[in-house]
Amino acid sequence: MDETVAEGALSGRDRLLRLAAIGTAGGLFSGLFGVGGGTVMVPLLLLWLGYEARAAAATSLGAIVLVAGFAVATQGLYGNVDVVAGLLVGIPAIGGVIAGTWLQQRLPSDVIAFAFAVLMVAGAIQLVVS
């Protein structure tokens, strides 16, 4: 991955500290609410480290593999995991990932960022009114 201008301006230590803070926030929100990748890590990668939208999404997905695995194991210890429902949601989601990635590669980065922002605002509004 090419370094962005914002990343190049940070010292290695500052970059690592920001990445650690992003990971901590993503893990906290994942354990608390079941979200963390797209809703926490992507905006922070964009704002704090100047990632391009595609790179932020892909980096978040890479990190969320670790976060989700640990979160499901921890929630499983508390008896909160419905494995059958998880499989029924997760297996078809693979098709959505393939379609979404295909589409993401064909859209301009600013369109992806705008669509993500609209989704986050719509989600926030839904949470407030329900």
C-alpha atoms as a PDB file:
ATOM      1  CA  MET A   1       0.000   0.000   0.000  1.00  0.00           C
ATOM      2  CA  ASP A   2       1.323   3.457  -0.837  1.00  0.00           C
ATOM      3  CA  GLU A   3       1.697   5.846   2.050  1.00  0.00           C
ATOM      4  CA  THR A   4      -0.667   8.788   1.981  1.00  0.00           C
ATOM      5  CA  VAL A   5       0.527  12.336   2.526  1.00  0.00           C
ATOM      6  CA  ALA A   6      -0.919  12.366   6.034  1.00  0.00           C
ATOM      7  CA  GLU A   7       0.824   9.109   6.956  1.00  0.00           C
ATOM      8  CA  GLY A   8       4.143  10.365   5.598  1.00  0.00           C
ATOM      9  CA  ALA A   9       3.894  13.466   7.809  1.00  0.00           C
ATOM     10  CA  LEU A  10       3.603  11.374  10.980  1.00  0.00           C
ATOM     11  CA  SER A  11       6.547   9.859  12.773  1.00  0.00           C
ATOM     12  CA  GLY A  12       6.570   6.084  12.964  1.00  0.00           C
ATOM     13  CA  ARG A  13       5.745   6.257  16.669  1.00  0.00           C
ATOM     14  CA  ASP A  14       2.782   8.597  16.138  1.00  0.00           C
ATOM     15  CA  ARG A  15       1.440   6.403  13.352  1.00  0.00           C
ATOM     16  CA  LEU A  16       1.705   3.289  15.527  1.00  0.00           C
ATOM     17  CA  LEU A  17      -0.015   5.047  18.431  1.00  0.00           C
ATOM     18  CA  ARG A  18      -2.872   6.144  16.183  1.00  0.00           C
ATOM     19  CA  LEU A  19      -3.234   2.649  14.746  1.00  0.00           C
ATOM     20  CA  ALA A  20      -3.281   1.213  18.284  1.00  0.00           C
ATOM     21  CA  ALA A  21      -5.943   3.748  19.336  1.00  0.00           C
ATOM     22  CA  ILE A  22      -8.034   2.885  16.266  1.00  0.00           C
ATOM     23  CA  GLY A  23      -7.722  -0.822  17.046  1.00  0.00           C
ATOM     24  CA  THR A  24      -8.651  -0.283  20.684  1.00  0.00           C
ATOM     25  CA  ALA A  25     -11.719   1.758  19.725  1.00  0.00           C
ATOM     26  CA  GLY A  26     -12.741  -0.844  17.142  1.00  0.00           C
ATOM     27  CA  GLY A  27     -12.389  -3.649  19.678  1.00  0.00           C
ATOM     28  CA  LEU A  28     -14.280  -1.750  22.364  1.00  0.00           C
ATOM     29  CA  PHE A  29     -17.187  -0.987  20.049  1.00  0.00           C
ATOM     30  CA  SER A  30     -17.158  -4.528  18.674  1.00  0.00           C
ATOM     31  CA  GLY A  31     -17.472  -6.044  22.139  1.00  0.00           C
ATOM     32  CA  LEU A  32     -20.027  -3.495  23.284  1.00  0.00           C
ATOM     33  CA  PHE A  33     -22.269  -3.164  20.234  1.00  0.00           C
ATOM     34  CA  GLY A  34     -21.204  -5.807  17.702  1.00  0.00           C
ATOM     35  CA  VAL A  35     -19.717  -3.156  15.401  1.00  0.00           C
ATOM     36  CA  GLY A  36     -16.204  -1.873  15.089  1.00  0.00           C
ATOM     37  CA  GLY A  37     -14.784  -2.303  11.629  1.00  0.00           C
ATOM     38  CA  GLY A  38     -16.710  -0.133   9.265  1.00  0.00           C
ATOM     39  CA  THR A  39     -18.337   2.147  11.780  1.00  0.00           C
ATOM     40  CA  VAL A  40     -15.281   2.936  13.883  1.00  0.00           C
ATOM     41  CA  MET A  41     -12.071   1.942  12.137  1.00  0.00           C
ATOM     42  CA  VAL A  42     -12.839   3.242   8.653  1.00  0.00           C
ATOM     43  CA  PRO A  43     -13.688   6.827   9.698  1.00  0.00           C
ATOM     44  CA  LEU A  44     -10.662   6.966  11.996  1.00  0.00           C
ATOM     45  CA  LEU A  45      -8.333   5.618   9.306  1.00  0.00           C
ATOM     46  CA  LEU A  46      -9.701   8.280   6.962  1.00  0.00           C
ATOM     47  CA  LEU A  47      -9.519  11.160   9.440  1.00  0.00           C
ATOM     48  CA  TRP A  48      -6.471  10.375  11.572  1.00  0.00           C
ATOM     49  CA  LEU A  49      -4.213   8.741   9.025  1.00  0.00           C
ATOM     50  CA  GLY A  50      -5.497  10.107   5.728  1.00  0.00           C
ATOM     51  CA  TYR A  51      -6.219   6.710   4.190  1.00  0.00           C
ATOM     52  CA  GLU A  52      -8.034   6.606   0.871  1.00  0.00           C
ATOM     53  CA  ALA A  53     -11.539   5.082   1.202  1.00  0.00           C
ATOM     54  CA  ARG A  54     -10.687   1.753  -0.475  1.00  0.00           C
ATOM     55  CA  ALA A  55      -7.533   1.284   1.596  1.00  0.00           C
ATOM     56  CA  ALA A  56      -9.378   2.196   4.817  1.00  0.00           C
ATOM     57  CA  ALA A  57     -12.129  -0.335   4.098  1.00  0.00           C
ATOM     58  CA  ALA A  58      -9.670  -3.079   3.183  1.00  0.00           C
ATOM     59  CA  THR A  59      -7.443  -2.391   6.194  1.00  0.00           C
ATOM     60  CA  SER A  60     -10.478  -2.424   8.470  1.00  0.00           C
ATOM     61  CA  LEU A  61     -11.594  -5.758   7.020  1.00  0.00           C
ATOM     62  CA  GLY A  62      -8.171  -7.222   7.672  1.00  0.00           C
ATOM     63  CA  ALA A  63      -8.244  -6.064  11.268  1.00  0.00           C
ATOM     64  CA  ILE A  64     -11.824  -7.111  11.850  1.00  0.00           C
ATOM     65  CA  VAL A  65     -10.954 -10.754  11.144  1.00  0.00           C
ATOM     66  CA  LEU A  66      -8.942 -10.736  14.375  1.00  0.00           C
ATOM     67  CA  VAL A  67     -11.459  -8.606  16.275  1.00  0.00           C
ATOM     68  CA  ALA A  68     -14.468 -10.682  15.212  1.00  0.00           C
ATOM     69  CA  GLY A  69     -12.764 -13.980  15.986  1.00  0.00           C
ATOM     70  CA  PHE A  70     -11.858 -12.886  19.500  1.00  0.00           C
ATOM     71  CA  ALA A  71     -15.247 -11.239  20.051  1.00  0.00           C
ATOM     72  CA  VAL A  72     -17.217 -14.326  19.024  1.00  0.00           C
ATOM     73  CA  ALA A  73     -15.042 -16.519  21.262  1.00  0.00           C
ATOM     74  CA  THR A  74     -15.536 -14.172  24.217  1.00  0.00           C
ATOM     75  CA  GLN A  75     -19.289 -13.814  23.625  1.00  0.00           C
ATOM     76  CA  GLY A  76     -19.451 -17.591  23.204  1.00  0.00           C
ATOM     77  CA  LEU A  77     -18.060 -18.013  26.728  1.00  0.00           C
ATOM     78  CA  TYR A  78     -21.051 -16.003  27.951  1.00  0.00           C
ATOM     79  CA  GLY A  79     -23.441 -18.174  25.911  1.00  0.00           C
ATOM     80  CA  ASN A  80     -24.528 -15.316  23.651  1.00  0.00           C
ATOM     81  CA  VAL A  81     -23.684 -16.844  20.255  1.00  0.00           C
ATOM     82  CA  ASP A  82     -26.418 -18.424  18.126  1.00  0.00           C
ATOM     83  CA  VAL A  83     -24.168 -20.487  15.850  1.00  0.00           C
ATOM     84  CA  VAL A  84     -26.929 -21.541  13.436  1.00  0.00           C
ATOM     85  CA  ALA A  85     -28.149 -17.968  12.969  1.00  0.00           C
ATOM     86  CA  GLY A  86     -24.537 -16.837  12.576  1.00  0.00           C
ATOM     87  CA  LEU A  87     -23.983 -19.362   9.792  1.00  0.00           C
ATOM     88  CA  LEU A  88     -27.304 -18.491   8.125  1.00  0.00           C
ATOM     89  CA  VAL A  89     -26.252 -14.824   8.063  1.00  0.00           C
ATOM     90  CA  GLY A  90     -22.552 -15.368   7.422  1.00  0.00           C
ATOM     91  CA  ILE A  91     -22.599 -17.830   4.541  1.00  0.00           C
ATOM     92  CA  PRO A  92     -24.808 -15.729   2.226  1.00  0.00           C
ATOM     93  CA  ALA A  93     -22.809 -12.657   3.273  1.00  0.00           C
ATOM     94  CA  ILE A  94     -19.876 -14.100   1.331  1.00  0.00           C
ATOM     95  CA  GLY A  95     -21.826 -13.407  -1.884  1.00  0.00           C
ATOM     96  CA  GLY A  96     -22.447  -9.864  -0.686  1.00  0.00           C
ATOM     97  CA  VAL A  97     -18.738  -9.394  -0.012  1.00  0.00           C
ATOM     98  CA  ILE A  98     -17.874 -10.529  -3.520  1.00  0.00           C
ATOM     99  CA  ALA A  99     -20.489  -8.227  -5.072  1.00  0.00           C
ATOM    100  CA  GLY A 100     -19.568  -5.292  -2.825  1.00  0.00           C
ATOM    101  CA  THR A 101     -15.862  -5.620  -3.530  1.00  0.00           C
ATOM    102  CA  TRP A 102     -16.529  -5.834  -7.271  1.00  0.00           C
ATOM    103  CA  LEU A 103     -18.649  -2.668  -7.087  1.00  0.00           C
ATOM    104  CA  GLN A 104     -16.167  -0.842  -4.848  1.00  0.00           C
ATOM    105  CA  GLN A 105     -13.410  -1.323  -7.417  1.00  0.00           C
ATOM    106  CA  ARG A 106     -15.549   0.359 -10.061  1.00  0.00           C
ATOM    107  CA  LEU A 107     -16.719   3.423  -8.118  1.00  0.00           C
ATOM    108  CA  PRO A 108     -14.697   6.591  -7.542  1.00  0.00           C
ATOM    109  CA  SER A 109     -13.266   6.847  -4.026  1.00  0.00           C
ATOM    110  CA  ASP A 110     -15.263  10.007  -3.237  1.00  0.00           C
ATOM    111  CA  VAL A 111     -18.520   8.228  -4.136  1.00  0.00           C
ATOM    112  CA  ILE A 112     -17.611   5.399  -1.756  1.00  0.00           C
ATOM    113  CA  ALA A 113     -16.816   7.869   1.041  1.00  0.00           C
ATOM    114  CA  PHE A 114     -20.080   9.773   0.458  1.00  0.00           C
ATOM    115  CA  ALA A 115     -22.165   6.573   0.392  1.00  0.00           C
ATOM    116  CA  PHE A 116     -20.519   5.449   3.636  1.00  0.00           C
ATOM    117  CA  ALA A 117     -21.276   8.814   5.259  1.00  0.00           C
ATOM    118  CA  VAL A 118     -24.929   8.609   4.171  1.00  0.00           C
ATOM    119  CA  LEU A 119     -25.165   5.096   5.602  1.00  0.00           C
ATOM    120  CA  MET A 120     -23.690   6.216   8.934  1.00  0.00           C
ATOM    121  CA  VAL A 121     -26.065   9.209   9.179  1.00  0.00           C
ATOM    122  CA  ALA A 122     -29.067   7.037   8.295  1.00  0.00           C
ATOM    123  CA  GLY A 123     -28.019   4.516  10.946  1.00  0.00           C
ATOM    124  CA  ALA A 124     -27.618   7.246  13.538  1.00  0.00           C
ATOM    125  CA  ILE A 125     -31.047   8.674  12.741  1.00  0.00           C
ATOM    126  CA  GLN A 126     -32.597   5.196  12.988  1.00  0.00           C
ATOM    127  CA  LEU A 127     -31.009   4.668  16.402  1.00  0.00           C
ATOM    128  CA  VAL A 128     -32.263   8.012  17.702  1.00  0.00           C
ATOM    129  CA  VAL A 129     -35.878   7.624  16.531  1.00  0.00           C
ATOM    130  CA  SER A 130     -36.327   3.994  17.542  1.00  0.00           C
END
